[in-house]
Protein backbone atom coordinates (compact mmCIF):
# COMPACT_ATOMS: atom_id res chain seq x y z
CA MET A 1 -48.27 -61.12 56.93
CA TRP A 2 -46.22 -63.67 58.86
CA LEU A 3 -43.73 -65.66 57.33
CA PRO A 4 -41.87 -68.41 58.67
CA LEU A 5 -38.08 -67.78 59.39
CA ARG A 6 -36.45 -70.59 56.91
CA CYS A 7 -38.42 -67.50 54.38
CA ARG A 8 -37.04 -64.40 55.39
CA PRO A 9 -33.54 -64.65 54.14
CA ALA A 10 -34.62 -64.99 50.56
CA LEU A 11 -36.96 -62.26 51.09
CA SER A 12 -34.30 -59.97 52.41
CA SER A 13 -31.96 -60.97 49.65
CA MET A 14 -34.50 -60.01 47.14
CA MET A 15 -35.34 -56.42 48.83
CA THR A 16 -31.49 -55.38 48.69
CA ALA A 17 -31.06 -56.31 44.83
CA ARG A 18 -34.16 -54.55 44.10
CA HIS A 19 -32.72 -51.70 45.83
CA PHE A 20 -29.37 -51.94 44.19
CA HIS A 21 -31.06 -51.80 40.75
CA ASN A 22 -32.73 -48.57 41.80
CA THR A 23 -29.27 -46.77 42.18
CA ALA A 24 -28.43 -43.44 40.34
CA GLN A 25 -26.23 -45.11 38.11
CA VAL A 26 -28.38 -48.00 37.15
CA TRP A 27 -31.36 -45.54 36.66
CA ALA A 28 -28.76 -43.08 34.30
CA ARG A 29 -27.49 -46.47 32.53
CA GLN A 30 -31.18 -47.76 31.88
CA ASN A 31 -32.50 -44.03 30.46
CA LYS A 32 -29.51 -43.52 28.48
CA PRO A 33 -30.47 -42.12 25.05
CA LYS A 34 -30.21 -44.12 22.19
CA HIS A 35 -28.78 -41.54 19.41
CA MET A 36 -26.10 -39.01 20.84
CA PRO A 37 -26.27 -35.86 18.96
CA LEU A 38 -23.29 -35.27 16.54
CA PRO A 39 -21.46 -31.84 16.17
CA ARG A 40 -22.79 -31.35 13.38
CA GLU A 41 -26.46 -31.72 14.59
CA LEU A 42 -25.67 -29.09 17.55
CA LEU A 43 -25.09 -26.35 15.38
CA GLU A 44 -28.97 -26.67 14.00
CA PHE A 45 -30.41 -24.48 16.13
CA THR A 46 -34.19 -23.57 16.42
CA GLU A 47 -35.58 -20.69 16.42
CA SER A 48 -36.57 -20.58 19.90
CA SER A 49 -32.82 -21.76 20.89
CA CYS A 50 -31.76 -18.22 18.96
CA LYS A 51 -33.68 -15.80 20.80
CA PHE A 52 -32.11 -13.60 23.08
CA LYS A 53 -33.14 -14.49 27.10
CA GLY A 54 -30.86 -11.73 28.68
CA ASP A 55 -28.24 -14.24 29.56
CA ASP A 56 -25.78 -13.02 26.65
CA ILE A 57 -24.00 -9.48 25.71
CA PRO A 58 -25.91 -8.17 22.62
CA SER A 59 -23.60 -8.45 19.15
CA GLY A 60 -22.37 -5.08 18.89
CA ALA A 61 -20.73 -5.78 22.55
CA HIS A 62 -18.87 -9.07 21.13
CA LEU A 63 -17.80 -6.67 18.05
CA ALA A 64 -16.32 -4.55 20.54
CA LEU A 65 -14.53 -7.40 22.31
CA ASP A 66 -12.91 -8.59 19.38
CA HIS A 67 -11.63 -5.26 18.22
CA GLN A 68 -10.11 -5.10 21.94
CA ARG A 69 -9.11 -8.62 21.38
CA GLN A 70 -6.85 -7.94 18.13
CA ILE A 71 -5.65 -4.30 19.98
CA VAL A 72 -4.51 -6.36 22.54
CA TYR A 73 -2.83 -9.21 20.28
CA TYR A 74 -0.80 -6.45 18.32
CA LEU A 75 0.20 -4.77 21.15
CA ARG A 76 2.09 -7.62 22.50
CA LEU A 77 3.47 -8.62 19.73
CA ILE A 78 4.89 -4.87 19.45
CA GLU A 79 6.23 -5.32 22.89
CA ASN A 80 7.85 -8.91 22.40
CA GLU A 81 8.75 -9.59 18.85
CA MET A 82 9.82 -5.90 17.88
CA PRO A 83 12.96 -5.77 19.86
CA LYS A 84 13.95 -8.81 17.97
CA LEU A 85 13.90 -6.85 14.86
CA VAL A 86 17.23 -4.92 15.56
CA ALA A 87 19.32 -8.06 14.91
CA PHE A 88 18.16 -7.35 10.93
CA ARG A 89 18.82 -3.86 11.15
CA LYS A 90 21.38 -2.40 8.11
CA PRO A 91 22.74 1.11 7.50
CA PHE A 92 21.28 2.82 5.03
CA ILE A 93 23.55 3.39 2.01
CA PRO A 94 22.56 5.96 -0.97
CA PRO A 95 22.84 4.86 -4.08
CA THR A 96 25.79 5.51 -6.45
CA PRO A 97 26.13 6.71 -10.08
CA ALA A 98 26.26 3.43 -11.23
CA SER A 99 22.67 2.49 -9.69
CA PRO A 100 20.61 5.15 -11.01
CA LEU A 101 17.69 3.30 -10.93
CA VAL A 102 14.81 3.46 -8.33
CA ILE A 103 12.33 -0.13 -8.32
CA ARG A 104 9.23 -0.11 -6.95
CA SER A 105 7.21 -3.15 -6.08
CA VAL A 106 3.88 -4.21 -4.31
CA ASP A 107 3.49 -7.05 -2.04
CA TYR A 108 0.89 -8.06 0.16
CA SER A 109 2.86 -10.17 2.70
CA GLY A 110 3.00 -13.76 0.44
CA GLU A 111 -1.05 -13.52 -0.88
CA ASP A 112 -1.56 -14.16 -4.41
CA HIS A 113 -2.24 -11.15 -6.12
CA PRO A 114 -2.34 -9.95 -10.23
CA ILE A 115 -0.51 -6.45 -9.09
CA THR A 116 2.30 -8.12 -7.38
CA ILE A 117 4.37 -9.30 -10.20
CA LYS A 118 4.45 -5.35 -11.40
CA ARG A 119 7.23 -3.69 -11.57
CA THR A 120 7.78 0.47 -11.91
CA VAL A 121 11.39 1.94 -12.28
CA VAL A 122 12.08 5.65 -12.49
CA VAL A 123 15.30 7.12 -13.33
CA PRO A 124 16.52 10.55 -13.46
CA VAL A 125 17.86 11.62 -16.84
CA ALA A 126 20.78 13.29 -15.26
CA HIS A 127 21.99 10.05 -14.04
CA LEU A 128 22.09 8.36 -17.67
CA PRO A 129 25.09 8.33 -19.75
CA MET A 130 24.19 10.71 -21.97
CA ARG A 131 26.64 11.70 -24.76
CA ASN A 132 25.40 15.26 -24.61
CA ASP A 133 22.67 17.81 -24.75
CA LEU A 134 21.39 16.59 -27.59
CA ALA A 135 20.99 13.10 -26.65
CA ILE A 136 19.21 14.31 -23.49
CA HIS A 137 16.44 16.06 -25.87
CA THR A 138 16.40 12.88 -27.71
CA VAL A 139 15.80 10.76 -24.89
CA LYS A 140 12.99 12.99 -23.61
CA LEU A 141 11.62 12.62 -27.35
CA LEU A 142 11.66 9.13 -27.37
CA ALA A 143 10.41 8.70 -23.76
CA GLY A 144 7.23 10.80 -24.88
CA ALA A 145 4.31 10.55 -21.90
CA ARG A 146 6.96 8.56 -19.64
CA TRP A 147 9.18 11.80 -19.07
CA THR A 148 8.04 14.50 -16.48
CA PRO A 149 9.79 17.33 -15.53
CA ASP A 150 9.13 16.54 -11.81
CA PRO A 151 9.24 13.46 -10.05
CA PRO A 152 6.11 11.00 -10.03
CA LYS A 153 4.56 11.21 -6.70
CA ASN A 154 4.35 7.36 -6.25
CA ALA A 155 7.77 6.92 -7.25
CA GLY A 156 9.79 7.36 -3.84
CA VAL A 157 11.97 9.94 -5.23
CA THR A 158 12.42 13.09 -3.26
CA LEU A 159 12.77 16.89 -5.53
CA ASP A 160 16.39 17.83 -6.11
CA SER A 161 17.51 20.69 -8.04
CA GLU A 162 20.75 18.75 -9.11
CA GLU A 163 19.53 15.01 -10.51
CA GLY A 164 15.90 16.67 -11.43
CA LYS A 165 17.12 19.40 -13.71
CA HIS A 166 16.38 17.08 -17.09
CA GLY A 167 13.57 15.76 -15.44
CA TYR A 168 12.66 11.64 -15.02
CA ILE A 169 11.61 8.80 -16.86
CA LYS A 170 9.06 6.68 -15.38
CA ILE A 171 8.45 2.87 -16.94
CA ALA A 172 6.20 0.12 -15.44
CA CYS A 173 5.48 -3.32 -16.95
CA GLU A 174 3.29 -6.24 -15.74
CA ASP A 175 2.83 -8.44 -19.18
CA PHE A 176 4.90 -11.19 -18.09
CA PRO A 177 3.86 -13.85 -15.43
CA HIS A 178 7.51 -13.23 -13.61
CA ALA A 179 8.12 -10.18 -11.86
CA THR A 180 11.92 -10.48 -13.18
CA MET A 181 10.71 -11.26 -16.54
CA ASN A 182 9.18 -7.53 -15.91
CA LEU A 183 12.14 -6.01 -14.50
CA LYS A 184 14.30 -7.21 -17.05
CA TRP A 185 12.00 -5.88 -20.13
CA ILE A 186 12.05 -2.25 -18.53
CA SER A 187 15.79 -2.25 -17.87
CA ASP A 188 16.25 -3.68 -21.68
CA THR A 189 13.98 -0.80 -22.72
CA ILE A 190 15.81 1.65 -21.05
CA ASP A 191 19.28 0.50 -22.37
CA LYS A 192 17.59 0.52 -25.96
CA LEU A 193 16.38 4.67 -25.28
CA VAL A 194 19.83 5.41 -23.97
CA ALA A 195 21.45 3.52 -27.25
CA LYS A 196 19.15 4.93 -29.69
CA ALA A 197 19.41 8.71 -28.21
CA ASN A 198 23.35 8.22 -28.35
CA ASP A 199 23.21 7.34 -31.96
CA LYS A 200 25.27 8.96 -34.04
CA THR A 201 23.88 9.21 -37.01
CA PRO A 202 23.02 12.30 -38.85
CA ARG A 203 19.45 12.85 -37.14
CA SER A 204 18.84 15.76 -35.68
CA TYR A 205 15.88 16.27 -33.20
CA GLN A 206 16.84 19.37 -31.63
CA ASP A 207 14.37 21.54 -33.48
CA LEU A 208 11.22 19.19 -32.18
CA PRO A 209 9.85 20.68 -29.08
CA LEU A 210 8.95 18.61 -26.19
CA ASP A 211 5.63 17.74 -25.91
CA MET A 212 3.68 18.58 -22.74
CA ARG A 213 0.74 17.74 -23.18
CA HIS A 214 0.47 14.93 -20.79
CA VAL A 215 1.89 17.12 -17.99
CA GLU A 216 -0.56 19.69 -18.84
CA ALA A 217 -3.67 17.18 -18.94
CA LYS A 218 -2.60 15.87 -15.45
CA VAL A 219 -2.18 19.65 -13.95
CA LYS A 220 -5.80 20.18 -15.31
CA LYS A 221 -6.80 17.18 -14.11
CA ALA A 222 -5.69 17.92 -10.54
CA LYS A 223 -8.16 20.88 -10.23
CA MET A 224 -5.57 23.06 -8.40
CA GLY A 225 -6.11 26.13 -10.22
CA ASP A 226 -2.47 25.90 -12.05
CA HIS A 227 -4.11 24.88 -15.18
CA THR A 228 -6.13 28.53 -15.63
CA ARG A 229 -4.27 31.01 -18.56
CA GLY A 230 -2.40 28.26 -19.97
CA ARG A 231 -0.24 27.45 -16.59
CA THR A 232 1.48 24.65 -15.90
CA SER A 233 2.54 25.14 -12.86
CA ARG A 234 1.88 27.44 -9.66
CA PRO A 235 2.87 31.31 -10.40
CA SER A 236 5.19 32.62 -8.43
CA LEU A 237 7.16 36.07 -7.73
CA LYS A 238 9.68 35.66 -10.22
CA ASP A 239 6.97 35.21 -12.61
CA PHE A 240 5.77 38.90 -12.42
CA PRO A 241 6.04 41.15 -15.43
CA LYS A 242 8.89 43.63 -14.60
CA GLU A 243 6.97 46.05 -16.91
CA TRP A 244 4.49 46.15 -14.51
CA LEU A 245 6.78 47.31 -11.94
CA PRO A 246 6.76 50.55 -10.80
CA GLN A 247 9.53 53.01 -11.80
CA LEU A 248 11.38 54.43 -9.34
CA PRO A 249 12.72 57.80 -8.74
CA VAL A 250 16.28 58.25 -9.66
CA LYS A 251 18.10 59.83 -6.42
CA SER A 252 20.58 62.72 -7.45
CA SER A 253 23.02 64.49 -5.28
CA GLY A 254 21.95 67.88 -6.25
CA VAL A 255 18.71 69.92 -5.65
CA THR A 256 15.86 69.41 -8.30
CA PRO A 257 15.10 72.63 -9.77
CA ARG A 258 11.45 73.77 -9.66
CA THR A 259 9.33 74.18 -12.52
CA SER A 260 7.04 77.37 -12.91
CA GLN A 261 3.75 77.25 -13.75
């Protein structure tokens, strides 16, 4: 189709404008979605999108990688942070007779737990200010099942022949809402035990035997064979009856006369 020269500029401008509107930027602007998905909606996958398509590792491999990341995290803490703890190092000072109590507590690194308010105190009877042997026997009777001849396994006290010759007393408390209140109650109870045992009133407990049923029950519950035949501890050579030992012949300097048959 032939057009006059005066119409050609107008037609060329129209063609240029149409070509401008067909660019990629204008097409993307015109085809922009009306509703953008929110992050919450992006988490809602369909069943088809959750299927394994060979483009990811299995869940077991993800767990293994997560375990390796956790190990590497703690290794970095050991390498970089542990040397800084040297600044908080303190020399060990053994307890003196003025502080014979051993206090045990449980902590979950700041997490709230009912057992964190519990306090347990273990004290050797030999370290208590007892008046005489009768007072030591009396405090064992008053302590009852809280007295044991051996230190409790979870007390943090090693068996010592000198301090453990009269046994140990273990008292725990978790009745109050604060740990200091529980510890104060235990301390007051130990003071009352000592004061009652050292009482000089004419009351004699020396004829009363110690109740060892709680010790025997603990040994029987362990099922280690120590409770058989009425035993409370594992037998050793010192428990062997001496009358069962063979009588060795007495050596004499002379010649033993031969008897005729």
